[in-house]
Amino acid sequence: MFTSRFAVLALFAFFAGANANGTCAMCQDTVDIEGVAVYTLANSTVETSGYTLCSYTNTKLGIKVTCEYSSDGAFQDGDELCPSKVGTYSC
């Protein structure tokens, strides 16, 4: 009986690991326009879906920019100023 319980737990652990993403997009510190840092990173959140949400602000203008990236760092949704690709890290 102990062996079958262990096997079931091992399978659950395997499937949980197989579904785990393992990488997350890494928000850039700034959003640059023509080589000038215009927006600075205010917040970054890794969502349960595996997407990373990056929020940037320009305190002088009071403007916010939001960018959403997939786990491989590809731009998915947000402002047109967002970089099309960002780096990734193990998460």
Protein backbone atom coordinates (compact mmCIF):
# COMPACT_ATOMS: atom_id res chain seq x y z
CA MET A 1 0.00 0.00 0.00
CA PHE A 2 2.86 2.40 0.81
CA THR A 3 4.40 1.83 -2.60
CA SER A 4 1.21 2.70 -4.50
CA ARG A 5 0.75 5.91 -2.48
CA PHE A 6 4.34 6.88 -3.21
CA ALA A 7 3.81 6.19 -6.92
CA VAL A 8 0.72 8.41 -7.01
CA LEU A 9 2.54 11.23 -5.21
CA ALA A 10 5.49 10.87 -7.57
CA LEU A 11 3.14 11.17 -10.57
CA PHE A 12 1.52 14.30 -9.13
CA ALA A 13 4.94 15.83 -8.58
CA PHE A 14 6.00 14.94 -12.12
CA PHE A 15 2.90 16.48 -13.70
CA ALA A 16 3.20 19.60 -11.58
CA GLY A 17 6.80 19.98 -12.70
CA ALA A 18 5.90 19.29 -16.31
CA ASN A 19 3.37 22.12 -16.25
CA ALA A 20 5.68 24.55 -14.50
CA ASN A 21 6.99 27.11 -16.91
CA GLY A 22 10.48 27.58 -15.51
CA THR A 23 11.19 30.89 -17.24
CA CYS A 24 9.72 34.36 -16.87
CA ALA A 25 10.13 37.57 -18.84
CA MET A 26 12.40 40.14 -17.21
CA CYS A 27 11.16 43.72 -17.39
CA GLN A 28 13.68 46.27 -18.63
CA ASP A 29 14.60 49.06 -16.21
CA THR A 30 13.50 51.71 -18.70
CA VAL A 31 11.55 52.18 -21.91
CA ASP A 32 13.71 54.19 -24.28
CA ILE A 33 12.57 56.42 -27.11
CA GLU A 34 15.27 57.25 -29.65
CA GLY A 35 17.94 56.11 -27.19
CA VAL A 36 16.66 58.21 -24.28
CA ALA A 37 15.16 56.63 -21.15
CA VAL A 38 11.71 58.22 -21.00
CA TYR A 39 9.81 55.77 -18.76
CA THR A 40 11.16 53.99 -15.68
CA LEU A 41 10.01 50.66 -14.29
CA ALA A 42 7.47 51.17 -11.51
CA ASN A 43 6.30 47.60 -10.97
CA SER A 44 6.59 44.09 -12.40
CA THR A 45 4.33 41.14 -11.71
CA VAL A 46 4.47 37.52 -12.85
CA GLU A 47 0.87 36.44 -13.36
CA THR A 48 -0.39 32.92 -12.66
CA SER A 49 -0.81 32.47 -16.42
CA GLY A 50 2.97 32.79 -16.81
CA TYR A 51 2.79 36.25 -18.36
CA THR A 52 4.82 39.12 -16.92
CA LEU A 53 3.25 42.53 -16.55
CA CYS A 54 5.65 45.51 -16.60
CA SER A 55 4.41 48.95 -15.54
CA TYR A 56 6.43 52.06 -16.37
CA THR A 57 5.91 55.72 -15.49
CA ASN A 58 7.15 59.10 -16.56
CA THR A 59 6.79 61.20 -13.41
CA LYS A 60 7.36 64.50 -15.22
CA LEU A 61 4.53 63.90 -17.69
CA GLY A 62 2.37 61.74 -15.41
CA ILE A 63 2.06 59.09 -18.11
CA LYS A 64 2.00 55.32 -17.51
CA VAL A 65 2.97 52.57 -19.96
CA THR A 66 2.02 48.93 -19.44
CA CYS A 67 3.60 46.00 -21.27
CA GLU A 68 2.75 42.30 -21.10
CA TYR A 69 5.23 39.58 -22.08
CA SER A 70 5.03 35.82 -22.48
CA SER A 71 7.38 33.55 -20.56
CA ASP A 72 9.85 33.58 -23.47
CA GLY A 73 10.06 37.40 -23.35
CA ALA A 74 7.95 38.12 -26.44
CA PHE A 75 5.64 41.16 -26.35
CA GLN A 76 2.00 40.11 -26.08
CA ASP A 77 -0.08 43.16 -25.24
CA GLY A 78 0.19 46.75 -24.11
CA ASP A 79 1.37 50.13 -25.31
CA GLU A 80 3.01 50.50 -28.73
CA LEU A 81 6.12 51.94 -27.01
CA CYS A 82 6.87 48.59 -25.35
CA PRO A 83 9.99 46.72 -26.50
CA SER A 84 9.10 43.77 -28.75
CA LYS A 85 11.36 41.38 -26.82
CA VAL A 86 12.88 41.30 -23.33
CA GLY A 87 15.25 38.93 -21.56
CA THR A 88 14.19 35.99 -19.41
CA TYR A 89 15.24 34.40 -16.12
CA SER A 90 14.53 31.18 -14.24
CA CYS A 91 11.54 31.55 -11.97
